[in-house]
Amino acid sequence: GDPDLLLNLASVYRHTGRVSEARSLYRAVLARPDEM
């Protein structure tokens, strides 16, 4: 659940054509408390 790991994994998915998986991870970040 670490947000930077989720964001970076979403970036990997996005760059490798796994768009729905990327969206899911971005939404998972939004579902958690916000962090700087």
PDB file of all heavy atoms in Angstrom:
ATOM      1  N   GLY A   1       0.785  -1.227   0.000  1.00  0.00           N
ATOM      2  CA  GLY A   1       0.000   0.000   0.000  1.00  0.00           C
ATOM      3  C   GLY A   1       0.817   1.276   0.000  1.00  0.00           C
ATOM      4  O   GLY A   1       0.257   2.363   0.048  1.00  0.00           O
ATOM      5  N   ASP A   2       2.136   1.170  -0.076  1.00  0.00           N
ATOM      6  CA  ASP A   2       2.972   2.364  -0.108  1.00  0.00           C
ATOM      7  C   ASP A   2       2.645   3.145  -1.383  1.00  0.00           C
ATOM      8  O   ASP A   2       2.753   2.609  -2.486  1.00  0.00           O
ATOM      9  CB  ASP A   2       4.447   1.961  -0.084  1.00  0.00           C
ATOM     10  CG  ASP A   2       5.349   3.158   0.091  1.00  0.00           C
ATOM     11  OD1 ASP A   2       5.532   3.906  -0.882  1.00  0.00           O
ATOM     12  OD2 ASP A   2       5.856   3.356   1.203  1.00  0.00           O
ATOM     13  N   PRO A   3       2.240   4.401  -1.262  1.00  0.00           N
ATOM     14  CA  PRO A   3       1.751   5.120  -2.443  1.00  0.00           C
ATOM     15  C   PRO A   3       2.776   5.318  -3.548  1.00  0.00           C
ATOM     16  O   PRO A   3       2.427   5.261  -4.719  1.00  0.00           O
ATOM     17  CB  PRO A   3       1.272   6.464  -1.888  1.00  0.00           C
ATOM     18  CG  PRO A   3       1.912   6.598  -0.565  1.00  0.00           C
ATOM     19  CD  PRO A   3       2.160   5.210  -0.056  1.00  0.00           C
ATOM     20  N   ASP A   4       4.036   5.559  -3.205  1.00  0.00           N
ATOM     21  CA  ASP A   4       5.001   5.754  -4.288  1.00  0.00           C
ATOM     22  C   ASP A   4       5.249   4.469  -5.053  1.00  0.00           C
ATOM     23  O   ASP A   4       5.438   4.478  -6.267  1.00  0.00           O
ATOM     24  CB  ASP A   4       6.308   6.372  -3.796  1.00  0.00           C
ATOM     25  CG  ASP A   4       7.121   5.451  -2.951  1.00  0.00           C
ATOM     26  OD1 ASP A   4       6.559   4.889  -2.011  1.00  0.00           O
ATOM     27  OD2 ASP A   4       8.318   5.280  -3.229  1.00  0.00           O
ATOM     28  N   LEU A   5       5.212   3.339  -4.349  1.00  0.00           N
ATOM     29  CA  LEU A   5       5.356   2.055  -5.045  1.00  0.00           C
ATOM     30  C   LEU A   5       4.148   1.799  -5.942  1.00  0.00           C
ATOM     31  O   LEU A   5       4.296   1.352  -7.086  1.00  0.00           O
ATOM     32  CB  LEU A   5       5.532   0.918  -4.041  1.00  0.00           C
ATOM     33  CG  LEU A   5       6.823   0.965  -3.211  1.00  0.00           C
ATOM     34  CD1 LEU A   5       6.798  -0.103  -2.126  1.00  0.00           C
ATOM     35  CD2 LEU A   5       8.048   0.814  -4.099  1.00  0.00           C
ATOM     36  N   LEU A   6       2.963   2.098  -5.440  1.00  0.00           N
ATOM     37  CA  LEU A   6       1.750   1.921  -6.252  1.00  0.00           C
ATOM     38  C   LEU A   6       1.781   2.832  -7.473  1.00  0.00           C
ATOM     39  O   LEU A   6       1.445   2.405  -8.584  1.00  0.00           O
ATOM     40  CB  LEU A   6       0.495   2.193  -5.420  1.00  0.00           C
ATOM     41  CG  LEU A   6       0.216   1.238  -4.272  1.00  0.00           C
ATOM     42  CD1 LEU A   6      -0.986   1.716  -3.458  1.00  0.00           C
ATOM     43  CD2 LEU A   6       0.000  -0.174  -4.771  1.00  0.00           C
ATOM     44  N   LEU A   7       2.195   4.079  -7.277  1.00  0.00           N
ATOM     45  CA  LEU A   7       2.268   5.017  -8.398  1.00  0.00           C
ATOM     46  C   LEU A   7       3.308   4.576  -9.425  1.00  0.00           C
ATOM     47  O   LEU A   7       3.063   4.644 -10.635  1.00  0.00           O
ATOM     48  CB  LEU A   7       2.593   6.421  -7.890  1.00  0.00           C
ATOM     49  CG  LEU A   7       1.467   7.130  -7.148  1.00  0.00           C
ATOM     50  CD1 LEU A   7       1.997   8.347  -6.402  1.00  0.00           C
ATOM     51  CD2 LEU A   7       0.339   7.507  -8.086  1.00  0.00           C
ATOM     52  N   ASN A   8       4.454   4.109  -8.953  1.00  0.00           N
ATOM     53  CA  ASN A   8       5.485   3.667  -9.893  1.00  0.00           C
ATOM     54  C   ASN A   8       5.070   2.388 -10.618  1.00  0.00           C
ATOM     55  O   ASN A   8       5.328   2.236 -11.818  1.00  0.00           O
ATOM     56  CB  ASN A   8       6.823   3.488  -9.195  1.00  0.00           C
ATOM     57  CG  ASN A   8       7.508   4.810  -8.929  1.00  0.00           C
ATOM     58  OD1 ASN A   8       7.064   5.861  -9.385  1.00  0.00           O
ATOM     59  ND2 ASN A   8       8.581   4.780  -8.188  1.00  0.00           N
ATOM     60  N   LEU A   9       4.404   1.471  -9.918  1.00  0.00           N
ATOM     61  CA  LEU A   9       3.923   0.263 -10.583  1.00  0.00           C
ATOM     62  C   LEU A   9       2.847   0.620 -11.607  1.00  0.00           C
ATOM     63  O   LEU A   9       2.821   0.058 -12.713  1.00  0.00           O
ATOM     64  CB  LEU A   9       3.399  -0.751  -9.560  1.00  0.00           C
ATOM     65  CG  LEU A   9       3.026  -2.121 -10.113  1.00  0.00           C
ATOM     66  CD1 LEU A   9       4.200  -2.773 -10.856  1.00  0.00           C
ATOM     67  CD2 LEU A   9       2.544  -3.021  -8.986  1.00  0.00           C
ATOM     68  N   ALA A  10       1.996   1.569 -11.267  1.00  0.00           N
ATOM     69  CA  ALA A  10       0.991   2.033 -12.232  1.00  0.00           C
ATOM     70  C   ALA A  10       1.673   2.612 -13.468  1.00  0.00           C
ATOM     71  O   ALA A  10       1.233   2.379 -14.598  1.00  0.00           O
ATOM     72  CB  ALA A  10       0.078   3.071 -11.586  1.00  0.00           C
ATOM     73  N   SER A  11       2.761   3.332 -13.267  1.00  0.00           N
ATOM     74  CA  SER A  11       3.513   3.884 -14.394  1.00  0.00           C
ATOM     75  C   SER A  11       4.079   2.768 -15.273  1.00  0.00           C
ATOM     76  O   SER A  11       4.024   2.842 -16.506  1.00  0.00           O
ATOM     77  CB  SER A  11       4.640   4.777 -13.872  1.00  0.00           C
ATOM     78  OG  SER A  11       5.391   5.305 -14.930  1.00  0.00           O
ATOM     79  N   VAL A  12       4.602   1.724 -14.648  1.00  0.00           N
ATOM     80  CA  VAL A  12       5.110   0.572 -15.408  1.00  0.00           C
ATOM     81  C   VAL A  12       3.968  -0.043 -16.217  1.00  0.00           C
ATOM     82  O   VAL A  12       4.125  -0.311 -17.415  1.00  0.00           O
ATOM     83  CB  VAL A  12       5.738  -0.481 -14.467  1.00  0.00           C
ATOM     84  CG1 VAL A  12       5.987  -1.796 -15.196  1.00  0.00           C
ATOM     85  CG2 VAL A  12       7.036   0.042 -13.870  1.00  0.00           C
ATOM     86  N   TYR A  13       2.842  -0.267 -15.569  1.00  0.00           N
ATOM     87  CA  TYR A  13       1.699  -0.859 -16.272  1.00  0.00           C
ATOM     88  C   TYR A  13       1.257   0.022 -17.433  1.00  0.00           C
ATOM     89  O   TYR A  13       0.968  -0.467 -18.522  1.00  0.00           O
ATOM     90  CB  TYR A  13       0.530  -1.074 -15.307  1.00  0.00           C
ATOM     91  CG  TYR A  13       0.721  -2.206 -14.321  1.00  0.00           C
ATOM     92  CD1 TYR A  13      -0.096  -2.304 -13.212  1.00  0.00           C
ATOM     93  CD2 TYR A  13       1.715  -3.166 -14.475  1.00  0.00           C
ATOM     94  CE1 TYR A  13       0.057  -3.341 -12.294  1.00  0.00           C
ATOM     95  CE2 TYR A  13       1.874  -4.191 -13.566  1.00  0.00           C
ATOM     96  CZ  TYR A  13       1.043  -4.278 -12.482  1.00  0.00           C
ATOM     97  OH  TYR A  13       1.194  -5.300 -11.578  1.00  0.00           O
ATOM     98  N   ARG A  14       1.216   1.307 -17.200  1.00  0.00           N
ATOM     99  CA  ARG A  14       0.798   2.235 -18.252  1.00  0.00           C
ATOM    100  C   ARG A  14       1.744   2.176 -19.453  1.00  0.00           C
ATOM    101  O   ARG A  14       1.308   2.142 -20.594  1.00  0.00           O
ATOM    102  CB  ARG A  14       0.755   3.641 -17.657  1.00  0.00           C
ATOM    103  CG  ARG A  14       0.255   4.674 -18.596  1.00  0.00           C
ATOM    104  CD  ARG A  14       0.162   6.000 -17.888  1.00  0.00           C
ATOM    105  NE  ARG A  14      -0.296   7.017 -18.792  1.00  0.00           N
ATOM    106  CZ  ARG A  14      -0.448   8.261 -18.458  1.00  0.00           C
ATOM    107  NH1 ARG A  14      -0.203   8.651 -17.233  1.00  0.00           N
ATOM    108  NH2 ARG A  14      -0.864   9.144 -19.339  1.00  0.00           N
ATOM    109  N   HIS A  15       3.037   2.154 -19.182  1.00  0.00           N
ATOM    110  CA  HIS A  15       4.025   2.129 -20.264  1.00  0.00           C
ATOM    111  C   HIS A  15       4.089   0.777 -20.980  1.00  0.00           C
ATOM    112  O   HIS A  15       4.647   0.693 -22.073  1.00  0.00           O
ATOM    113  CB  HIS A  15       5.410   2.491 -19.727  1.00  0.00           C
ATOM    114  CG  HIS A  15       5.575   3.949 -19.491  1.00  0.00           C
ATOM    115  ND1 HIS A  15       5.376   4.527 -18.253  1.00  0.00           N
ATOM    116  CD2 HIS A  15       5.894   4.955 -20.334  1.00  0.00           C
ATOM    117  CE1 HIS A  15       5.572   5.817 -18.353  1.00  0.00           C
ATOM    118  NE2 HIS A  15       5.886   6.108 -19.595  1.00  0.00           N
ATOM    119  N   THR A  16       3.566  -0.252 -20.363  1.00  0.00           N
ATOM    120  CA  THR A  16       3.613  -1.580 -20.986  1.00  0.00           C
ATOM    121  C   THR A  16       2.233  -2.018 -21.481  1.00  0.00           C
ATOM    122  O   THR A  16       1.999  -3.203 -21.693  1.00  0.00           O
ATOM    123  CB  THR A  16       4.201  -2.619 -20.011  1.00  0.00           C
ATOM    124  OG1 THR A  16       3.435  -2.641 -18.799  1.00  0.00           O
ATOM    125  CG2 THR A  16       5.656  -2.310 -19.691  1.00  0.00           C
ATOM    126  N   GLY A  17       1.331  -1.053 -21.644  1.00  0.00           N
ATOM    127  CA  GLY A  17       0.041  -1.329 -22.259  1.00  0.00           C
ATOM    128  C   GLY A  17      -1.004  -1.948 -21.351  1.00  0.00           C
ATOM    129  O   GLY A  17      -2.053  -2.372 -21.830  1.00  0.00           O
ATOM    130  N   ARG A  18      -0.750  -1.998 -20.063  1.00  0.00           N
ATOM    131  CA  ARG A  18      -1.723  -2.566 -19.124  1.00  0.00           C
ATOM    132  C   ARG A  18      -2.504  -1.429 -18.460  1.00  0.00           C
ATOM    133  O   ARG A  18      -2.401  -1.169 -17.275  1.00  0.00           O
ATOM    134  CB  ARG A  18      -1.019  -3.453 -18.101  1.00  0.00           C
ATOM    135  CG  ARG A  18      -0.375  -4.679 -18.766  1.00  0.00           C
ATOM    136  CD  ARG A  18       0.419  -5.499 -17.802  1.00  0.00           C
ATOM    137  NE  ARG A  18       1.752  -4.904 -17.671  1.00  0.00           N
ATOM    138  CZ  ARG A  18       2.677  -5.346 -16.842  1.00  0.00           C
ATOM    139  NH1 ARG A  18       2.428  -6.356 -16.030  1.00  0.00           N
ATOM    140  NH2 ARG A  18       3.859  -4.772 -16.789  1.00  0.00           N
ATOM    141  N   VAL A  19      -3.296  -0.770 -19.291  1.00  0.00           N
ATOM    142  CA  VAL A  19      -3.977   0.460 -18.895  1.00  0.00           C
ATOM    143  C   VAL A  19      -4.992   0.229 -17.780  1.00  0.00           C
ATOM    144  O   VAL A  19      -5.059   1.006 -16.825  1.00  0.00           O
ATOM    145  CB  VAL A  19      -4.632   1.121 -20.122  1.00  0.00           C
ATOM    146  CG1 VAL A  19      -5.416   2.355 -19.736  1.00  0.00           C
ATOM    147  CG2 VAL A  19      -3.570   1.456 -21.160  1.00  0.00           C
ATOM    148  N   SER A  20      -5.779  -0.829 -17.866  1.00  0.00           N
ATOM    149  CA  SER A  20      -6.784  -1.054 -16.821  1.00  0.00           C
ATOM    150  C   SER A  20      -6.121  -1.351 -15.473  1.00  0.00           C
ATOM    151  O   SER A  20      -6.602  -0.894 -14.427  1.00  0.00           O
ATOM    152  CB  SER A  20      -7.763  -2.161 -17.209  1.00  0.00           C
ATOM    153  OG  SER A  20      -7.096  -3.373 -17.410  1.00  0.00           O
ATOM    154  N   GLU A  21      -4.994  -2.057 -15.469  1.00  0.00           N
ATOM    155  CA  GLU A  21      -4.266  -2.314 -14.237  1.00  0.00           C
ATOM    156  C   GLU A  21      -3.694  -1.014 -13.672  1.00  0.00           C
ATOM    157  O   GLU A  21      -3.710  -0.790 -12.450  1.00  0.00           O
ATOM    158  CB  GLU A  21      -3.141  -3.334 -14.446  1.00  0.00           C
ATOM    159  CG  GLU A  21      -3.621  -4.741 -14.730  1.00  0.00           C
ATOM    160  CD  GLU A  21      -3.776  -5.028 -16.220  1.00  0.00           C
ATOM    161  OE1 GLU A  21      -3.960  -4.070 -17.025  1.00  0.00           O
ATOM    162  OE2 GLU A  21      -3.718  -6.200 -16.594  1.00  0.00           O
ATOM    163  N   ALA A  22      -3.203  -0.146 -14.556  1.00  0.00           N
ATOM    164  CA  ALA A  22      -2.675   1.152 -14.124  1.00  0.00           C
ATOM    165  C   ALA A  22      -3.783   1.977 -13.476  1.00  0.00           C
ATOM    166  O   ALA A  22      -3.595   2.529 -12.385  1.00  0.00           O
ATOM    167  CB  ALA A  22      -2.069   1.900 -15.306  1.00  0.00           C
ATOM    168  N   ARG A  23      -4.934   2.040 -14.126  1.00  0.00           N
ATOM    169  CA  ARG A  23      -6.063   2.791 -13.562  1.00  0.00           C
ATOM    170  C   ARG A  23      -6.442   2.258 -12.184  1.00  0.00           C
ATOM    171  O   ARG A  23      -6.726   3.027 -11.265  1.00  0.00           O
ATOM    172  CB  ARG A  23      -7.272   2.716 -14.488  1.00  0.00           C
ATOM    173  CG  ARG A  23      -7.214   3.654 -15.635  1.00  0.00           C
ATOM    174  CD  ARG A  23      -8.594   3.738 -16.322  1.00  0.00           C
ATOM    175  NE  ARG A  23      -8.476   4.564 -17.489  1.00  0.00           N
ATOM    176  CZ  ARG A  23      -8.394   4.111 -18.738  1.00  0.00           C
ATOM    177  NH1 ARG A  23      -8.450   2.825 -18.975  1.00  0.00           N
ATOM    178  NH2 ARG A  23      -8.280   4.947 -19.742  1.00  0.00           N
ATOM    179  N   SER A  24      -6.460   0.952 -12.054  1.00  0.00           N
ATOM    180  CA  SER A  24      -6.808   0.331 -10.777  1.00  0.00           C
ATOM    181  C   SER A  24      -5.845   0.755  -9.673  1.00  0.00           C
ATOM    182  O   SER A  24      -6.264   1.048  -8.541  1.00  0.00           O
ATOM    183  CB  SER A  24      -6.814  -1.191 -10.936  1.00  0.00           C
ATOM    184  OG  SER A  24      -7.088  -1.813  -9.721  1.00  0.00           O
ATOM    185  N   LEU A  25      -4.559   0.809  -9.987  1.00  0.00           N
ATOM    186  CA  LEU A  25      -3.577   1.220  -8.980  1.00  0.00           C
ATOM    187  C   LEU A  25      -3.702   2.706  -8.650  1.00  0.00           C
ATOM    188  O   LEU A  25      -3.582   3.093  -7.479  1.00  0.00           O
ATOM    189  CB  LEU A  25      -2.159   0.889  -9.443  1.00  0.00           C
ATOM    190  CG  LEU A  25      -1.803  -0.586  -9.404  1.00  0.00           C
ATOM    191  CD1 LEU A  25      -0.407  -0.814  -9.975  1.00  0.00           C
ATOM    192  CD2 LEU A  25      -1.884  -1.135  -7.991  1.00  0.00           C
ATOM    193  N   TYR A  26      -3.949   3.545  -9.651  1.00  0.00           N
ATOM    194  CA  TYR A  26      -4.148   4.972  -9.373  1.00  0.00           C
ATOM    195  C   TYR A  26      -5.364   5.153  -8.466  1.00  0.00           C
ATOM    196  O   TYR A  26      -5.339   5.950  -7.526  1.00  0.00           O
ATOM    197  CB  TYR A  26      -4.317   5.775 -10.657  1.00  0.00           C
ATOM    198  CG  TYR A  26      -3.056   5.892 -11.479  1.00  0.00           C
ATOM    199  CD1 TYR A  26      -3.062   5.616 -12.844  1.00  0.00           C
ATOM    200  CD2 TYR A  26      -1.843   6.299 -10.911  1.00  0.00           C
ATOM    201  CE1 TYR A  26      -1.909   5.734 -13.616  1.00  0.00           C
ATOM    202  CE2 TYR A  26      -0.688   6.411 -11.671  1.00  0.00           C
ATOM    203  CZ  TYR A  26      -0.733   6.126 -13.019  1.00  0.00           C
ATOM    204  OH  TYR A  26       0.416   6.245 -13.769  1.00  0.00           O
ATOM    205  N   ARG A  27      -6.419   4.393  -8.720  1.00  0.00           N
ATOM    206  CA  ARG A  27      -7.611   4.479  -7.865  1.00  0.00           C
ATOM    207  C   ARG A  27      -7.319   3.958  -6.454  1.00  0.00           C
ATOM    208  O   ARG A  27      -7.852   4.474  -5.477  1.00  0.00           O
ATOM    209  CB  ARG A  27      -8.765   3.718  -8.507  1.00  0.00           C
ATOM    210  CG  ARG A  27      -9.303   4.435  -9.737  1.00  0.00           C
ATOM    211  CD  ARG A  27     -10.513   3.733 -10.336  1.00  0.00           C
ATOM    212  NE  ARG A  27     -10.884   4.364 -11.570  1.00  0.00           N
ATOM    213  CZ  ARG A  27     -10.902   3.769 -12.761  1.00  0.00           C
ATOM    214  NH1 ARG A  27     -10.592   2.485 -12.866  1.00  0.00           N
ATOM    215  NH2 ARG A  27     -11.249   4.436 -13.846  1.00  0.00           N
ATOM    216  N   ALA A  28      -6.473   2.944  -6.348  1.00  0.00           N
ATOM    217  CA  ALA A  28      -6.088   2.429  -5.030  1.00  0.00           C
ATOM    218  C   ALA A  28      -5.347   3.495  -4.231  1.00  0.00           C
ATOM    219  O   ALA A  28      -5.545   3.621  -3.017  1.00  0.00           O
ATOM    220  CB  ALA A  28      -5.219   1.172  -5.178  1.00  0.00           C
ATOM    221  N   VAL A  29      -4.511   4.275  -4.893  1.00  0.00           N
ATOM    222  CA  VAL A  29      -3.813   5.376  -4.224  1.00  0.00           C
ATOM    223  C   VAL A  29      -4.836   6.386  -3.708  1.00  0.00           C
ATOM    224  O   VAL A  29      -4.746   6.866  -2.579  1.00  0.00           O
ATOM    225  CB  VAL A  29      -2.791   6.055  -5.168  1.00  0.00           C
ATOM    226  CG1 VAL A  29      -2.272   7.356  -4.575  1.00  0.00           C
ATOM    227  CG2 VAL A  29      -1.649   5.107  -5.489  1.00  0.00           C
ATOM    228  N   LEU A  30      -5.830   6.695  -4.532  1.00  0.00           N
ATOM    229  CA  LEU A  30      -6.849   7.671  -4.137  1.00  0.00           C
ATOM    230  C   LEU A  30      -7.730   7.167  -2.995  1.00  0.00           C
ATOM    231  O   LEU A  30      -8.289   7.971  -2.242  1.00  0.00           O
ATOM    232  CB  LEU A  30      -7.716   8.051  -5.341  1.00  0.00           C
ATOM    233  CG  LEU A  30      -6.973   8.821  -6.442  1.00  0.00           C
ATOM    234  CD1 LEU A  30      -7.864   8.979  -7.668  1.00  0.00           C
ATOM    235  CD2 LEU A  30      -6.492  10.165  -5.927  1.00  0.00           C
ATOM    236  N   ALA A  31      -7.843   5.859  -2.844  1.00  0.00           N
ATOM    237  CA  ALA A  31      -8.668   5.276  -1.787  1.00  0.00           C
ATOM    238  C   ALA A  31      -7.962   5.295  -0.428  1.00  0.00           C
ATOM    239  O   ALA A  31      -8.604   5.106   0.599  1.00  0.00           O
ATOM    240  CB  ALA A  31      -9.053   3.844  -2.150  1.00  0.00           C
ATOM    241  N   ARG A  32      -6.671   5.536  -0.431  1.00  0.00           N
ATOM    242  CA  ARG A  32      -5.885   5.550   0.806  1.00  0.00           C
ATOM    243  C   ARG A  32      -5.723   6.995   1.290  1.00  0.00           C
ATOM    244  O   ARG A  32      -5.912   7.929   0.517  1.00  0.00           O
ATOM    245  CB  ARG A  32      -4.503   4.942   0.547  1.00  0.00           C
ATOM    246  CG  ARG A  32      -4.570   3.488   0.067  1.00  0.00           C
ATOM    247  CD  ARG A  32      -3.201   2.886  -0.147  1.00  0.00           C
ATOM    248  NE  ARG A  32      -2.330   3.000   1.004  1.00  0.00           N
ATOM    249  CZ  ARG A  32      -2.411   2.223   2.083  1.00  0.00           C
ATOM    250  NH1 ARG A  32      -3.325   1.287   2.161  1.00  0.00           N
ATOM    251  NH2 ARG A  32      -1.567   2.392   3.090  1.00  0.00           N
ATOM    252  N   PRO A  33      -5.331   7.168   2.544  1.00  0.00           N
ATOM    253  CA  PRO A  33      -5.048   8.537   3.014  1.00  0.00           C
ATOM    254  C   PRO A  33      -3.947   9.171   2.166  1.00  0.00           C
ATOM    255  O   PRO A  33      -3.017   8.491   1.728  1.00  0.00           O
ATOM    256  CB  PRO A  33      -4.568   8.325   4.451  1.00  0.00           C
ATOM    257  CG  PRO A  33      -5.147   7.004   4.858  1.00  0.00           C
ATOM    258  CD  PRO A  33      -5.192   6.177   3.605  1.00  0.00           C
ATOM    259  N   ASP A  34      -4.083  10.454   1.928  1.00  0.00           N
ATOM    260  CA  ASP A  34      -3.113  11.163   1.105  1.00  0.00           C
ATOM    261  C   ASP A  34      -1.797  11.337   1.857  1.00  0.00           C
ATOM    262  O   ASP A  34      -1.783  11.429   3.087  1.00  0.00           O
ATOM    263  CB  ASP A  34      -3.674  12.536   0.723  1.00  0.00           C
ATOM    264  CG  ASP A  34      -3.049  13.093  -0.536  1.00  0.00           C
ATOM    265  OD1 ASP A  34      -2.232  12.395  -1.171  1.00  0.00           O
ATOM    266  OD2 ASP A  34      -3.387  14.237  -0.902  1.00  0.00           O
ATOM    267  N   GLU A  35      -0.695  11.359   1.122  1.00  0.00           N
ATOM    268  CA  GLU A  35       0.637  11.558   1.703  1.00  0.00           C
ATOM    269  C   GLU A  35       1.436  12.499   0.825  1.00  0.00           C
ATOM    270  O   GLU A  35       1.292  12.489  -0.394  1.00  0.00           O
ATOM    271  CB  GLU A  35       1.403  10.230   1.788  1.00  0.00           C
ATOM    272  CG  GLU A  35       0.838   9.238   2.761  1.00  0.00           C
ATOM    273  CD  GLU A  35       1.726   8.012   2.912  1.00  0.00           C
ATOM    274  OE1 GLU A  35       2.954   8.127   2.710  1.00  0.00           O
ATOM    275  OE2 GLU A  35       1.182   6.948   3.231  1.00  0.00           O
ATOM    276  N   MET A  36       2.297  13.275   1.472  1.00  0.00           N
ATOM    277  CA  MET A  36       3.248  14.087   0.719  1.00  0.00           C
ATOM    278  C   MET A  36       4.286  13.143   0.122  1.00  0.00           C
ATOM    279  O   MET A  36       4.694  12.183   0.761  1.00  0.00           O
ATOM    280  CB  MET A  36       3.946  15.100   1.625  1.00  0.00           C
ATOM    281  CG  MET A  36       3.028  16.184   2.166  1.00  0.00           C
ATOM    282  SD  MET A  36       2.266  17.194   0.874  1.00  0.00           S
ATOM    283  CE  MET A  36       3.687  17.965   0.130  1.00  0.00           C
TER     284      MET A  36
END
